[in-house]
Protein backbone atom coordinates (compact mmCIF):
# COMPACT_ATOMS: atom_id res chain seq x y z
CA MET A 1 68.93 107.88 60.33
CA ASN A 2 72.47 107.90 61.69
CA ASP A 3 73.49 107.02 65.24
CA SER A 4 74.30 110.60 66.28
CA PHE A 5 70.82 111.81 65.29
CA GLN A 6 69.20 108.88 67.07
CA THR A 7 71.14 109.69 70.24
CA PHE A 8 69.97 113.31 69.95
CA ARG A 9 66.36 112.09 69.71
CA ASP A 10 66.85 109.84 72.72
CA LEU A 11 68.22 112.74 74.76
CA LEU A 12 65.17 114.86 73.91
CA ARG A 13 62.89 112.08 75.15
CA GLN A 14 64.67 111.78 78.49
CA GLY A 15 63.49 115.15 79.79
CA ASP A 16 65.27 118.12 81.29
CA ASN A 17 67.36 116.54 84.05
CA PRO A 18 70.23 118.57 85.60
CA GLY A 19 72.74 117.43 82.99
CA PHE A 20 70.39 117.64 80.00
CA LEU A 21 71.69 120.96 78.64
CA PHE A 22 75.35 119.96 78.62
CA GLU A 23 74.72 116.42 77.32
CA THR A 24 72.49 117.61 74.48
CA ALA A 25 74.81 120.47 73.55
CA LEU A 26 77.67 117.98 73.55
CA GLN A 27 75.74 115.81 71.10
CA VAL A 28 75.23 118.83 68.81
CA SER A 29 79.03 118.93 68.50
CA LEU A 30 78.74 115.94 66.15
CA LEU A 31 77.21 118.19 63.50
CA VAL A 32 80.64 119.86 63.37
CA ASP A 33 83.22 117.42 64.72
CA GLU A 34 83.99 113.76 64.05
CA PRO A 35 85.74 112.52 67.20
CA THR A 36 88.31 109.79 66.67
CA ASN A 37 88.58 108.86 70.35
CA PRO A 38 85.73 106.48 71.27
CA ALA A 39 85.79 107.90 74.80
CA TRP A 40 85.14 111.48 73.60
CA ARG A 41 81.88 111.83 75.48
CA GLU A 42 83.25 110.57 78.79
CA ASN A 43 86.37 112.72 78.39
CA ALA A 44 84.28 115.87 77.86
CA ARG A 45 82.11 115.08 80.87
CA ASP A 46 85.15 114.38 83.05
CA ALA A 47 86.86 117.61 81.96
CA VAL A 48 83.96 119.86 82.92
CA ARG A 49 83.20 117.91 86.07
CA GLY A 50 86.85 118.32 86.98
CA TYR A 51 86.73 122.09 86.45
CA GLY A 52 83.93 122.39 88.96
CA ARG A 53 85.25 119.95 91.54
CA ARG A 54 88.79 121.31 91.50
CA PHE A 55 87.45 124.78 92.19
CA GLY A 56 85.32 123.52 95.06
CA GLU A 57 88.22 121.56 96.58
CA SER A 58 90.70 124.44 96.28
CA ALA A 59 88.39 127.11 97.68
CA ASP A 60 88.45 125.98 101.30
CA SER A 61 87.44 129.41 102.59
CA LEU A 62 84.37 129.84 100.39
CA HIS A 63 81.98 129.30 103.27
CA THR A 64 83.40 132.35 105.05
CA GLU A 65 83.08 134.66 102.04
CA SER A 66 80.08 136.50 100.69
CA GLU A 67 78.22 134.87 97.82
CA LEU A 68 79.36 137.64 95.50
CA ALA A 69 82.99 137.05 96.49
CA GLN A 70 82.51 133.34 95.73
CA LEU A 71 81.04 134.22 92.34
CA GLU A 72 83.91 136.59 91.52
CA LYS A 73 86.47 133.97 92.48
CA PHE A 74 84.79 131.31 90.33
CA CYS A 75 84.61 133.63 87.33
CA ARG A 76 88.30 134.50 87.64
CA TYR A 77 89.06 130.80 87.83
CA PHE A 78 87.05 130.12 84.65
CA SER A 79 88.39 133.00 82.57
CA THR A 80 91.93 133.39 83.92
CA ASP A 81 93.06 130.05 85.38
CA LEU A 82 91.22 127.87 82.85
CA GLY A 83 91.59 130.47 80.09
CA PHE A 84 88.11 130.36 78.55
CA ARG A 85 87.44 133.38 76.32
CA GLY A 86 85.32 134.57 73.43
CA ASP A 87 86.53 133.94 69.90
CA THR A 88 86.50 137.37 68.29
CA ASP A 89 88.79 136.42 65.40
CA SER A 90 86.65 133.71 63.79
CA TYR A 91 83.29 134.26 65.47
CA HIS A 92 81.18 132.56 62.77
CA ASP A 93 83.39 129.49 62.41
CA PRO A 94 81.05 126.47 62.83
CA ALA A 95 83.60 124.97 65.22
CA ASN A 96 82.64 127.62 67.79
CA SER A 97 79.24 125.92 68.07
CA SER A 98 80.92 122.66 69.13
CA ILE A 99 81.37 122.02 72.85
CA LEU A 100 84.22 119.65 71.95
CA HIS A 101 86.01 122.48 70.14
CA VAL A 102 85.38 124.89 73.00
CA LEU A 103 86.83 122.46 75.54
CA ALA A 104 89.89 121.79 73.36
CA ASN A 105 90.61 125.43 72.46
CA ARG A 106 89.14 127.25 75.49
CA SER A 107 87.31 129.65 73.15
CA GLY A 108 83.94 129.84 71.45
CA LEU A 109 80.64 131.63 71.08
CA PRO A 110 78.77 133.25 73.97
CA ILE A 111 76.26 130.40 74.06
CA THR A 112 78.76 127.52 74.03
CA LEU A 113 80.95 129.21 76.63
CA ALA A 114 77.83 129.77 78.73
CA ILE A 115 76.91 126.08 78.58
CA VAL A 116 80.38 125.03 79.75
CA LEU A 117 80.31 127.67 82.51
CA ILE A 118 76.86 126.57 83.74
CA GLU A 119 77.88 122.91 83.85
CA ALA A 120 81.20 123.62 85.58
CA ALA A 121 79.37 125.82 88.11
CA ARG A 122 76.91 122.99 88.79
CA HIS A 123 79.76 120.68 89.76
CA ALA A 124 81.26 123.44 91.92
CA GLY A 125 77.99 123.75 93.83
CA LEU A 126 77.01 127.09 92.26
CA SER A 127 73.67 127.75 90.57
CA MET A 128 73.70 129.45 87.16
CA TRP A 129 71.28 129.56 84.25
CA GLY A 130 71.21 130.65 80.63
CA VAL A 131 69.85 134.06 79.65
CA ALA A 132 68.77 134.70 76.05
CA ALA A 133 69.71 138.39 76.11
CA PRO A 134 69.34 140.54 72.95
CA ARG A 135 73.01 141.46 72.53
CA HIS A 136 74.34 137.95 72.98
CA PHE A 137 73.79 134.96 75.23
CA VAL A 138 74.85 135.44 78.86
CA VAL A 139 74.51 133.65 82.19
CA GLY A 140 72.37 134.57 85.17
CA THR A 141 72.97 133.82 88.84
CA ARG A 142 71.98 135.01 92.31
CA ALA A 143 74.36 136.24 95.01
CA ASP A 144 73.87 138.26 98.19
CA GLY A 145 70.15 138.60 97.54
CA ARG A 146 70.55 140.10 94.05
CA GLU A 147 70.58 138.75 90.53
CA TRP A 148 73.71 139.13 88.44
CA VAL A 149 74.73 138.69 84.82
CA VAL A 150 77.95 136.87 83.93
CA ASP A 151 79.34 137.29 80.41
CA PRO A 152 81.73 134.38 79.69
CA PHE A 153 82.45 135.78 76.22
CA ASN A 154 83.97 138.89 77.80
CA HIS A 155 86.29 137.51 80.48
CA CYS A 156 83.38 136.47 82.72
CA ARG A 157 82.47 140.07 83.43
CA ILE A 158 79.94 140.35 86.26
CA VAL A 159 77.32 143.11 86.44
CA SER A 160 73.98 143.44 88.17
CA VAL A 161 70.86 142.70 86.14
CA GLU A 162 69.81 146.33 86.52
CA GLU A 163 73.12 147.60 85.16
CA TYR A 164 73.09 145.14 82.27
CA MET A 165 69.51 146.06 81.35
CA ALA A 166 70.44 149.73 81.32
CA GLU A 167 73.38 149.00 79.02
CA ILE A 168 71.48 147.03 76.41
CA SER A 169 68.27 149.07 76.58
CA GLY A 170 70.25 152.22 75.78
CA GLY A 171 71.56 150.63 72.59
CA LEU A 172 68.08 149.40 71.64
CA ASN A 173 66.17 152.54 72.73
CA LEU A 174 63.94 150.45 74.98
CA ASN A 175 62.53 150.92 78.46
CA PRO A 176 64.72 148.72 80.73
CA ASP A 177 61.60 147.37 82.47
CA LEU A 178 60.50 145.76 79.18
CA LEU A 179 63.65 143.62 79.22
CA LEU A 180 63.16 142.19 82.71
CA PRO A 181 61.34 138.98 81.59
CA ILE A 182 64.31 138.14 79.36
CA PHE A 183 66.42 137.54 82.46
CA ASN A 184 64.34 134.58 83.55
CA ALA A 185 66.14 131.28 83.06
CA ALA A 186 65.97 130.22 79.40
CA PRO A 187 64.60 126.67 79.06
CA PRO A 188 67.35 124.21 78.09
CA ARG A 189 65.53 123.26 74.88
CA LEU A 190 65.38 126.90 73.85
CA ILE A 191 69.13 127.14 74.40
CA ILE A 192 69.74 124.09 72.21
CA LYS A 193 67.47 125.57 69.55
CA ARG A 194 69.46 128.81 69.61
CA MET A 195 72.67 126.78 69.27
CA LEU A 196 71.30 125.07 66.17
CA LYS A 197 70.18 128.38 64.68
CA ASN A 198 73.70 129.76 65.17
CA LEU A 199 75.13 126.70 63.48
CA MET A 200 72.82 127.12 60.49
CA VAL A 201 74.03 130.70 60.05
CA SER A 202 77.66 129.55 60.19
CA PHE A 203 77.11 126.78 57.65
CA SER A 204 75.16 129.16 55.41
CA GLN A 205 78.04 131.63 55.33
CA GLU A 206 80.28 128.82 54.10
CA GLY A 207 77.73 127.49 51.59
CA ARG A 208 77.60 124.04 53.20
CA ALA A 209 74.14 122.91 52.08
CA SER A 210 74.46 119.33 53.30
CA GLN A 211 75.36 120.45 56.82
CA ILE A 212 72.57 123.04 56.79
CA PHE A 213 70.10 120.28 55.92
CA ASP A 214 71.36 118.01 58.72
CA THR A 215 71.14 120.86 61.23
CA LEU A 216 67.58 121.61 60.11
CA GLU A 217 66.65 117.98 60.70
CA TRP A 218 67.94 118.19 64.26
CA ALA A 219 66.23 121.55 64.86
CA LEU A 220 62.90 120.23 63.63
CA GLU A 221 63.22 117.20 65.86
CA LEU A 222 63.41 119.69 68.72
CA ASP A 223 60.63 121.96 67.43
CA PRO A 224 58.59 120.33 64.63
CA ASP A 225 56.42 123.41 64.09
CA ASP A 226 59.12 126.03 63.53
CA ALA A 227 57.79 127.56 60.31
CA GLU A 228 61.11 129.14 59.33
CA ASP A 229 62.97 125.84 59.64
CA LEU A 230 60.23 123.96 57.80
CA LEU A 231 60.37 126.48 54.97
CA ASN A 232 64.16 126.23 54.70
CA ARG A 233 64.09 122.44 54.77
CA GLY A 234 61.33 122.41 52.18
CA ILE A 235 63.36 124.62 49.84
CA LEU A 236 66.43 122.40 50.27
CA ARG A 237 64.36 119.29 49.62
CA LEU A 238 63.10 120.80 46.37
CA ARG A 239 66.69 121.54 45.32
CA MET A 240 67.50 117.91 46.10
CA ARG A 241 64.58 116.94 43.82
CA ARG A 242 62.73 115.43 46.77
CA PHE A 243 59.56 117.10 45.57
CA GLY A 244 57.06 115.16 47.66
CA ASP A 245 58.92 115.80 50.90
CA GLY A 246 59.44 119.44 49.94
CA ALA A 247 55.76 119.90 49.21
CA LYS A 248 54.89 118.35 52.57
CA ASP A 249 57.08 120.88 54.38
CA LEU A 250 55.67 123.83 52.42
CA LEU A 251 52.07 122.76 53.03
CA ARG A 252 52.80 122.54 56.76
CA VAL A 253 54.30 126.05 56.61
CA LEU A 254 51.02 127.27 55.10
CA GLU A 255 49.11 125.72 58.00
CA LEU A 256 51.33 127.60 60.45
CA THR A 257 51.40 130.92 58.58
CA PRO A 258 48.74 133.58 59.35
CA GLU A 259 46.33 134.39 56.53
CA THR A 260 47.58 137.98 56.55
CA ASP A 261 51.20 137.00 55.86
CA SER A 262 52.34 138.47 52.54
CA ASN A 263 54.46 135.39 51.77
CA ARG A 264 51.55 132.94 51.76
CA ASP A 265 50.78 133.23 48.04
CA HIS A 266 54.38 132.59 47.05
CA ILE A 267 54.69 129.60 49.40
CA HIS A 268 51.39 128.25 48.08
CA ARG A 269 52.59 128.46 44.47
CA GLU A 270 55.84 126.73 45.39
CA ALA A 271 53.91 123.94 47.14
CA ILE A 272 51.61 123.40 44.15
CA GLU A 273 54.59 123.26 41.79
CA ALA A 274 56.34 120.79 44.11
CA LEU A 275 53.28 118.55 44.12
CA ARG A 276 53.17 118.67 40.33
CA GLN A 277 56.86 117.79 40.14
CA SER A 278 56.40 114.91 42.57
CA LYS A 279 53.77 113.39 40.29
CA ASN A 280 55.96 113.83 37.20
CA ASN A 281 59.07 112.51 38.99
CA PRO A 282 57.85 109.67 41.22
């Protein structure tokens, strides 16, 4: 077990304190980046803390403005003054899942931009939360007695929850009312899990099996009973000729898979073959 994975485990044990989301997302960066500066963590914290505090210090008249005007000013500051934007040219680049990369390049995925925005807002005295919306990850907040959606991937566009629901429900042919629960604050651990899923997709597109395996290990530390991740890790372990470990993962998948699932027989055969191989290749 390497130090970066151990630190990730330690963060998960600490609980969801106010800085948990940013700190844990920052640690996930190590699946992509290898910082050379030993002060990388402190530098990243200081940068985002500075974004928030500088905004608060420069906006002397905020207390006289409406909450919506404050929100609009902060979003302009984030997208225009700081220059954070969505990366539409190399969307699936694994680097876009790294908070370190996002801070250095001021661009990234919806979810990584959202995490930076939420943390910067926290230090500016504004309350924001992650929203696992169907189209892509966005940010929720409250101003002037209403809830709003902020899209940091698209120049921090601000729309009401009702307007945003109407937009995405039209594309999905859904009743907007069915989407309302989605706009509750996404738990920080769910956000980290979604980050890791994104990273697995990016690594898969580049055929980077070793990095996929490492990301699966982190994801399963977060959610040990994710059947899809267990299945994928089991398959990779079999390819690595770690037959006993692979069989263990596949047998756990069977425990988690409903009896009616059409894939059960195939998974069962794979598990039996893995057990046979583990005995022949101790």
